[in-house]
Amino acid sequence: MVIQGYPNPGDGLRLHLNENTGGCSARVLEAIRRVRPSEVSTYPSYRDAVITTARHFDLDPDWVLLTNGLDEGILMAAVGHIARRRIHDAENIIPLPAFDPYPNSTAAVGATAIPIPPGPEFAFPTGAVVAAITPRTRMIFLNTPNNPTGQLIPMADLARIGEAAPKAVVLVDEAYIEFGGASFLPELPRFRNVLVGRTFSKAYGLAGLRVGVVIGHPDALDPVRAVTLPFNINAVALAALDAALGDVEFLPRYAAEVRESRERLYAACRRLGLHYWPSAANYVLVRVGEAAPLVAALAARKIHVRDRSKDPVTPGCIRITAGIVAHTEAAIEALESVLAMRER
């Protein structure tokens, strides 16, 4: 039987999908409980949610499109800018390693993916990206911090690429920006060809409700809006979004846990002789050698991490979510135990 979605690993700590390990704000749960039967039985209105989101990011509401998770926004950007325009020779530039929806959305609209390998230690290949731009380039996917490496793209490099590709749409995916680095949003008014993607799945703990946002000048955003389905987010998710943005203490508190968890993971890696990459996100990429047996051994101890070793760009690597400190300590203890057994 083929079941959609990502396989459920079973009981234990879910440190494999970069989720918020502390859950959502208590205010979100309260808001969900207050949802009325009539709000469930009727189609939702998005006006208040769009205005609230725009105010949160200090934007004109015309620059905001709410999506069913950022994944939908990525796909609709490709549909709106390539498929809707019936462009048959489109090329999309995808720096590696890359989030799966970039190549998937590229394939979905019949475009050709142009992969760009990273530099040493996953340095962002700005020069190679710019050199790959041609008249056929229609989209460029930029992920900062990168998933899975946690590396940031320098602000000047984002601007350089945006300026170098005036006839393409540059999608800056900031799904993890709340955990480190500066957002490109203050620079966005200079660029009519750049879209910024954000999600409320990670920092705000709404992954199960699927709420994202695509932000940009109407020149870039309107083609995406034109192909996005009219009732793409449900009423419960809208109530949760309003409550999440209203709890101004939740995000700083959780981000502090993430920063401390990253430092503890770094220290554990140094102690265990494992190579890691300092991250600006809520996860750390670690090279462990033969990854699959280690991932299985951790799962047997009810610690679930992501095996990234099948990607030729990240051989021998696993990715560990850095969330609540107590969860990170449990993961470190299990990792130490597994490695001790491997050395016998």
Protein backbone atom coordinates (compact mmCIF):
# COMPACT_ATOMS: atom_id res chain seq x y z
CA MET A 1 0.00 0.00 0.00
CA VAL A 2 1.32 3.45 -0.90
CA ILE A 3 0.41 6.04 1.72
CA GLN A 4 1.01 9.74 1.12
CA GLY A 5 3.25 11.77 3.38
CA TYR A 6 6.43 10.98 5.30
CA PRO A 7 6.49 7.62 7.18
CA ASN A 8 5.70 7.84 10.88
CA PRO A 9 8.79 6.63 12.78
CA GLY A 10 6.74 5.54 15.79
CA ASP A 11 7.01 6.50 19.44
CA GLY A 12 9.90 8.61 20.67
CA LEU A 13 11.50 11.99 20.13
CA ARG A 14 10.88 13.32 16.63
CA LEU A 15 14.19 14.98 15.78
CA HIS A 16 14.07 14.12 12.07
CA LEU A 17 11.78 16.74 10.46
CA ASN A 18 12.95 20.03 12.01
CA GLU A 19 9.68 20.37 13.91
CA ASN A 20 9.15 22.46 17.02
CA THR A 21 9.86 19.88 19.73
CA GLY A 22 8.07 21.96 22.35
CA GLY A 23 4.77 22.12 20.48
CA CYS A 24 2.76 25.26 19.82
CA SER A 25 1.79 28.17 22.04
CA ALA A 26 -0.89 27.45 24.64
CA ARG A 27 -2.78 30.37 23.11
CA VAL A 28 -3.03 28.42 19.87
CA LEU A 29 -4.76 25.53 21.59
CA GLU A 30 -7.13 27.92 23.33
CA ALA A 31 -7.98 29.55 20.00
CA ILE A 32 -8.67 26.17 18.40
CA ARG A 33 -11.05 25.26 21.22
CA ARG A 34 -12.98 28.47 20.57
CA VAL A 35 -13.61 27.70 16.90
CA ARG A 36 -17.40 27.73 16.36
CA PRO A 37 -19.34 25.06 14.44
CA SER A 38 -20.32 27.67 11.85
CA GLU A 39 -16.63 28.41 11.18
CA VAL A 40 -16.08 24.74 10.40
CA SER A 41 -19.15 24.36 8.17
CA THR A 42 -18.53 27.46 6.03
CA TYR A 43 -15.69 28.47 3.74
CA PRO A 44 -13.12 30.70 5.45
CA SER A 45 -12.44 34.39 4.85
CA TYR A 46 -8.79 35.39 4.67
CA ARG A 47 -9.00 39.16 4.99
CA ASP A 48 -8.26 39.41 8.73
CA ALA A 49 -5.50 36.80 8.56
CA VAL A 50 -3.78 38.55 5.66
CA ILE A 51 -3.96 41.93 7.40
CA THR A 52 -2.63 40.45 10.66
CA THR A 53 0.22 38.71 8.84
CA ALA A 54 1.09 41.85 6.88
CA ARG A 55 1.16 43.86 10.10
CA HIS A 56 3.41 41.24 11.71
CA PHE A 57 5.96 41.61 8.90
CA ASP A 58 5.36 45.37 8.48
CA LEU A 59 4.12 44.93 4.91
CA ASP A 60 1.39 46.13 2.59
CA PRO A 61 -1.29 43.36 2.51
CA ASP A 62 -1.03 43.35 -1.30
CA TRP A 63 2.45 41.89 -0.84
CA VAL A 64 1.15 38.89 1.19
CA LEU A 65 -0.21 35.53 0.01
CA LEU A 66 -1.06 32.90 2.63
CA THR A 67 -0.39 29.34 1.53
CA ASN A 68 -1.01 25.79 2.75
CA GLY A 69 2.45 25.52 4.22
CA LEU A 70 5.37 27.05 2.36
CA ASP A 71 5.51 23.89 0.23
CA GLU A 72 2.35 25.02 -1.57
CA GLY A 73 3.83 28.47 -2.07
CA ILE A 74 6.94 26.99 -3.72
CA LEU A 75 4.84 24.85 -6.07
CA MET A 76 2.43 27.68 -6.91
CA ALA A 77 5.34 30.01 -7.65
CA ALA A 78 6.56 27.54 -10.27
CA VAL A 79 3.05 27.03 -11.66
CA GLY A 80 2.33 30.75 -11.80
CA HIS A 81 5.60 31.81 -13.37
CA ILE A 82 6.27 28.86 -15.67
CA ALA A 83 3.30 26.54 -16.34
CA ARG A 84 0.66 29.28 -16.50
CA ARG A 85 2.77 31.12 -19.06
CA ARG A 86 3.34 27.92 -21.07
CA ILE A 87 7.11 28.34 -21.01
CA HIS A 88 8.51 25.13 -22.48
CA ASP A 89 12.26 25.73 -22.23
CA ALA A 90 12.42 27.03 -18.65
CA GLU A 91 15.45 26.39 -16.46
CA ASN A 92 15.41 26.62 -12.67
CA ILE A 93 18.67 27.08 -10.78
CA ILE A 94 18.89 24.99 -7.61
CA PRO A 95 21.98 25.32 -5.37
CA LEU A 96 22.78 22.09 -3.54
CA PRO A 97 22.02 20.55 -1.14
CA ALA A 98 18.39 21.44 -1.70
CA PHE A 99 14.95 21.14 -0.11
CA ASP A 100 12.98 18.49 -2.05
CA PRO A 101 10.13 20.81 -3.17
CA TYR A 102 12.55 22.80 -5.36
CA PRO A 103 13.36 19.97 -7.80
CA ASN A 104 9.88 18.51 -7.37
CA SER A 105 8.17 21.78 -8.32
CA THR A 106 10.60 22.23 -11.19
CA ALA A 107 9.71 18.80 -12.55
CA ALA A 108 5.98 19.41 -12.00
CA VAL A 109 5.98 22.34 -14.43
CA GLY A 110 8.21 20.67 -17.00
CA ALA A 111 11.22 22.89 -16.34
CA THR A 112 14.85 21.75 -16.34
CA ALA A 113 16.70 21.79 -13.03
CA ILE A 114 20.18 23.33 -13.09
CA PRO A 115 21.90 22.03 -9.93
CA ILE A 116 24.81 24.04 -8.54
CA PRO A 117 27.20 22.18 -6.21
CA PRO A 118 28.30 23.90 -3.00
CA GLY A 119 31.77 25.14 -2.28
CA PRO A 120 34.10 23.64 0.36
CA GLU A 121 32.37 23.07 3.69
CA PHE A 122 29.05 23.96 2.02
CA ALA A 123 30.08 27.53 1.21
CA PHE A 124 27.38 29.13 -0.89
CA PRO A 125 28.41 29.15 -4.60
CA THR A 126 27.34 32.68 -5.48
CA GLY A 127 29.64 33.02 -8.47
CA ALA A 128 28.51 29.70 -9.93
CA VAL A 129 24.84 30.63 -9.49
CA VAL A 130 25.33 33.94 -11.30
CA ALA A 131 27.32 32.24 -14.05
CA ALA A 132 24.49 29.73 -14.58
CA ILE A 133 21.90 32.43 -15.32
CA THR A 134 20.79 32.40 -18.97
CA PRO A 135 17.83 33.81 -20.93
CA ARG A 136 16.08 30.50 -20.16
CA THR A 137 16.39 30.95 -16.38
CA ARG A 138 12.91 31.38 -14.92
CA MET A 139 13.41 30.64 -11.21
CA ILE A 140 16.28 30.54 -8.73
CA PHE A 141 15.72 28.82 -5.38
CA LEU A 142 17.75 30.23 -2.48
CA ASN A 143 17.40 28.65 0.96
CA THR A 144 18.78 30.63 3.92
CA PRO A 145 19.51 29.08 6.36
CA ASN A 146 20.02 26.07 4.11
CA ASN A 147 18.27 22.80 4.80
CA PRO A 148 20.09 20.58 5.75
CA THR A 149 23.38 22.43 6.38
CA GLY A 150 22.10 25.40 8.38
CA GLN A 151 24.39 27.74 6.41
CA LEU A 152 23.31 31.32 5.73
CA ILE A 153 23.56 33.04 2.36
CA PRO A 154 25.15 36.49 2.85
CA MET A 155 22.69 39.34 2.29
CA ALA A 156 24.95 40.88 -0.35
CA ASP A 157 24.94 37.61 -2.30
CA LEU A 158 21.14 37.41 -2.25
CA ALA A 159 21.00 40.96 -3.64
CA ARG A 160 23.67 40.20 -6.24
CA ILE A 161 21.69 37.23 -7.55
CA GLY A 162 18.45 39.20 -7.56
CA GLU A 163 20.12 41.93 -9.60
CA ALA A 164 21.77 39.44 -11.97
CA ALA A 165 18.47 37.75 -12.89
CA PRO A 166 15.95 40.55 -13.60
CA LYS A 167 13.86 38.33 -15.90
CA ALA A 168 13.71 35.42 -13.46
CA VAL A 169 11.92 35.00 -10.15
CA VAL A 170 14.27 34.53 -7.22
CA LEU A 171 12.57 32.68 -4.36
CA VAL A 172 14.32 33.26 -1.03
CA ASP A 173 13.16 30.51 1.32
CA GLU A 174 13.48 31.75 4.92
CA ALA A 175 11.70 28.86 6.63
CA TYR A 176 14.25 28.86 9.48
CA ILE A 177 15.27 32.52 9.65
CA GLU A 178 13.73 33.01 13.10
CA PHE A 179 16.54 30.87 14.54
CA GLY A 180 19.45 32.87 13.15
CA GLY A 181 20.48 35.40 10.55
CA ALA A 182 18.83 38.47 9.07
CA SER A 183 15.75 38.41 6.83
CA PHE A 184 15.84 39.72 3.28
CA LEU A 185 12.46 41.42 3.83
CA PRO A 186 13.91 44.92 4.44
CA GLU A 187 15.63 44.68 1.03
CA LEU A 188 12.55 43.41 -0.79
CA PRO A 189 11.18 46.81 -1.94
CA ARG A 190 14.23 47.14 -4.22
CA PHE A 191 13.37 43.95 -6.12
CA ARG A 192 10.29 43.31 -8.23
CA ASN A 193 11.58 39.83 -9.13
CA VAL A 194 12.17 38.43 -5.63
CA LEU A 195 9.74 36.44 -3.49
CA VAL A 196 10.40 35.63 0.16
CA GLY A 197 8.88 32.48 1.61
CA ARG A 198 8.19 32.04 5.31
CA THR A 199 6.47 29.32 7.30
CA PHE A 200 4.74 29.07 10.65
CA SER A 201 5.50 25.34 10.89
CA LYS A 202 8.90 25.53 12.56
CA ALA A 203 9.36 28.44 14.95
CA TYR A 204 5.66 28.71 15.77
CA GLY A 205 4.96 24.98 15.98
CA LEU A 206 2.08 24.88 13.47
CA ALA A 207 3.44 22.14 11.18
CA GLY A 208 0.31 20.04 11.61
CA LEU A 209 -1.92 22.92 10.52
CA ARG A 210 0.02 23.90 7.37
CA VAL A 211 0.34 27.68 7.19
CA GLY A 212 2.95 29.51 5.13
CA VAL A 213 3.25 32.86 3.41
CA VAL A 214 4.79 34.10 0.17
CA ILE A 215 5.79 37.76 0.19
CA GLY A 216 6.75 40.01 -2.68
CA HIS A 217 6.01 42.92 -4.97
CA PRO A 218 2.72 42.36 -6.84
CA ASP A 219 4.70 42.02 -10.09
CA ALA A 220 6.18 38.78 -8.72
CA LEU A 221 3.34 37.76 -6.41
CA ASP A 222 0.26 38.23 -8.61
CA PRO A 223 1.10 35.33 -10.96
CA VAL A 224 1.36 33.10 -7.87
CA ARG A 225 -1.89 34.45 -6.49
CA ALA A 226 -3.60 33.76 -9.82
CA VAL A 227 -3.02 29.98 -9.57
CA THR A 228 -3.45 29.53 -5.81
CA LEU A 229 -6.75 27.86 -4.94
CA PRO A 230 -9.26 30.18 -3.23
CA PHE A 231 -9.80 28.14 -0.03
CA ASN A 232 -6.33 26.73 0.52
CA ILE A 233 -6.13 27.21 4.31
CA ASN A 234 -8.77 25.92 6.71
CA ALA A 235 -10.55 27.92 9.41
CA VAL A 236 -8.85 26.13 12.31
CA ALA A 237 -5.42 26.97 10.90
CA LEU A 238 -6.45 30.62 10.50
CA ALA A 239 -7.54 30.80 14.15
CA ALA A 240 -4.24 29.21 15.19
CA LEU A 241 -2.23 31.66 13.10
CA ASP A 242 -3.85 34.67 14.74
CA ALA A 243 -3.16 33.26 18.20
CA ALA A 244 0.43 32.30 17.36
CA LEU A 245 1.27 35.79 16.13
CA GLY A 246 -0.41 37.28 19.18
CA ASP A 247 1.82 35.42 21.65
CA VAL A 248 4.90 37.62 21.48
CA GLU A 249 6.73 35.73 24.25
CA PHE A 250 6.55 32.28 22.67
CA LEU A 251 9.05 32.67 19.82
CA PRO A 252 11.93 34.30 21.78
CA ARG A 253 11.61 31.67 24.48
CA TYR A 254 11.75 28.77 22.04
CA ALA A 255 14.51 30.34 19.93
CA ALA A 256 16.64 30.58 23.09
CA GLU A 257 16.15 26.83 23.68
CA VAL A 258 17.22 26.16 20.09
CA ARG A 259 20.40 28.23 20.47
CA GLU A 260 21.34 26.39 23.67
CA SER A 261 20.55 23.03 22.09
CA ARG A 262 22.80 23.81 19.14
CA GLU A 263 25.68 24.65 21.47
CA ARG A 264 25.21 21.40 23.36
CA LEU A 265 25.17 19.43 20.13
CA TYR A 266 28.37 21.17 19.01
CA ALA A 267 30.05 20.33 22.31
CA ALA A 268 28.93 16.70 22.08
CA CYS A 269 30.25 16.41 18.53
CA ARG A 270 33.62 17.80 19.57
CA ARG A 271 33.75 15.40 22.48
CA LEU A 272 32.82 12.44 20.27
CA GLY A 273 35.14 13.40 17.41
CA LEU A 274 32.30 14.02 14.93
CA HIS A 275 32.47 16.67 12.23
CA TYR A 276 29.56 19.13 12.30
CA TRP A 277 28.60 22.39 10.64
CA PRO A 278 27.63 25.38 12.81
CA SER A 279 24.00 26.12 12.03
CA ALA A 280 21.73 29.16 11.98
CA ALA A 281 18.65 26.91 11.99
CA ASN A 282 16.94 24.53 14.42
CA TYR A 283 19.04 21.54 13.41
CA VAL A 284 22.65 20.48 13.06
CA LEU A 285 24.18 18.45 10.24
CA VAL A 286 26.70 15.89 11.55
CA ARG A 287 29.00 13.53 9.67
CA VAL A 288 28.90 10.15 11.38
CA GLY A 289 30.32 7.82 8.72
CA GLU A 290 28.06 4.83 8.09
CA ALA A 291 24.76 6.56 8.84
CA ALA A 292 22.01 3.98 8.34
CA PRO A 293 22.98 1.61 11.21
CA LEU A 294 23.46 4.57 13.54
CA VAL A 295 20.05 6.01 12.63
CA ALA A 296 18.46 2.60 13.23
CA ALA A 297 20.23 2.23 16.57
CA LEU A 298 19.05 5.66 17.68
CA ALA A 299 15.50 4.80 16.57
CA ALA A 300 15.66 1.66 18.71
CA ARG A 301 16.34 4.03 21.62
CA LYS A 302 13.31 6.11 20.51
CA ILE A 303 15.41 8.96 19.13
CA HIS A 304 14.51 9.68 15.51
CA VAL A 305 16.98 11.66 13.39
CA ARG A 306 17.19 12.22 9.63
CA ASP A 307 19.51 10.09 7.53
CA ARG A 308 21.01 12.46 4.93
CA SER A 309 23.65 10.01 3.70
CA LYS A 310 21.73 9.00 0.57
CA ASP A 311 22.16 12.51 -0.83
CA PRO A 312 25.52 12.51 -2.69
CA VAL A 313 26.11 16.07 -1.49
CA THR A 314 25.93 15.02 2.19
CA PRO A 315 27.50 11.54 2.37
CA GLY A 316 27.78 9.95 5.79
CA CYS A 317 25.65 12.67 7.40
CA ILE A 318 22.66 12.82 9.70
CA ARG A 319 20.58 15.86 10.65
CA ILE A 320 19.47 16.33 14.25
CA THR A 321 16.73 18.74 15.24
CA ALA A 322 17.79 21.19 17.96
CA GLY A 323 14.75 22.10 20.01
CA ILE A 324 13.93 21.86 23.71
CA VAL A 325 17.18 21.41 25.64
CA ALA A 326 15.93 18.38 27.56
CA HIS A 327 15.15 16.65 24.25
CA THR A 328 18.60 17.49 22.92
CA GLU A 329 20.23 16.06 26.03
CA ALA A 330 18.31 12.82 25.54
CA ALA A 331 19.51 12.67 21.95
CA ILE A 332 23.12 13.29 22.98
CA GLU A 333 22.93 10.54 25.61
CA ALA A 334 21.58 8.10 23.03
CA LEU A 335 24.21 9.13 20.47
CA GLU A 336 27.00 8.58 22.99
CA SER A 337 25.61 5.14 23.80
CA VAL A 338 25.34 4.10 20.16
CA LEU A 339 28.85 5.30 19.31
CA ALA A 340 30.28 3.52 22.35
CA MET A 341 28.68 0.27 21.15
CA ARG A 342 30.04 0.85 17.62
CA GLU A 343 33.60 1.19 18.89
CA ARG A 344 33.58 -2.17 20.68
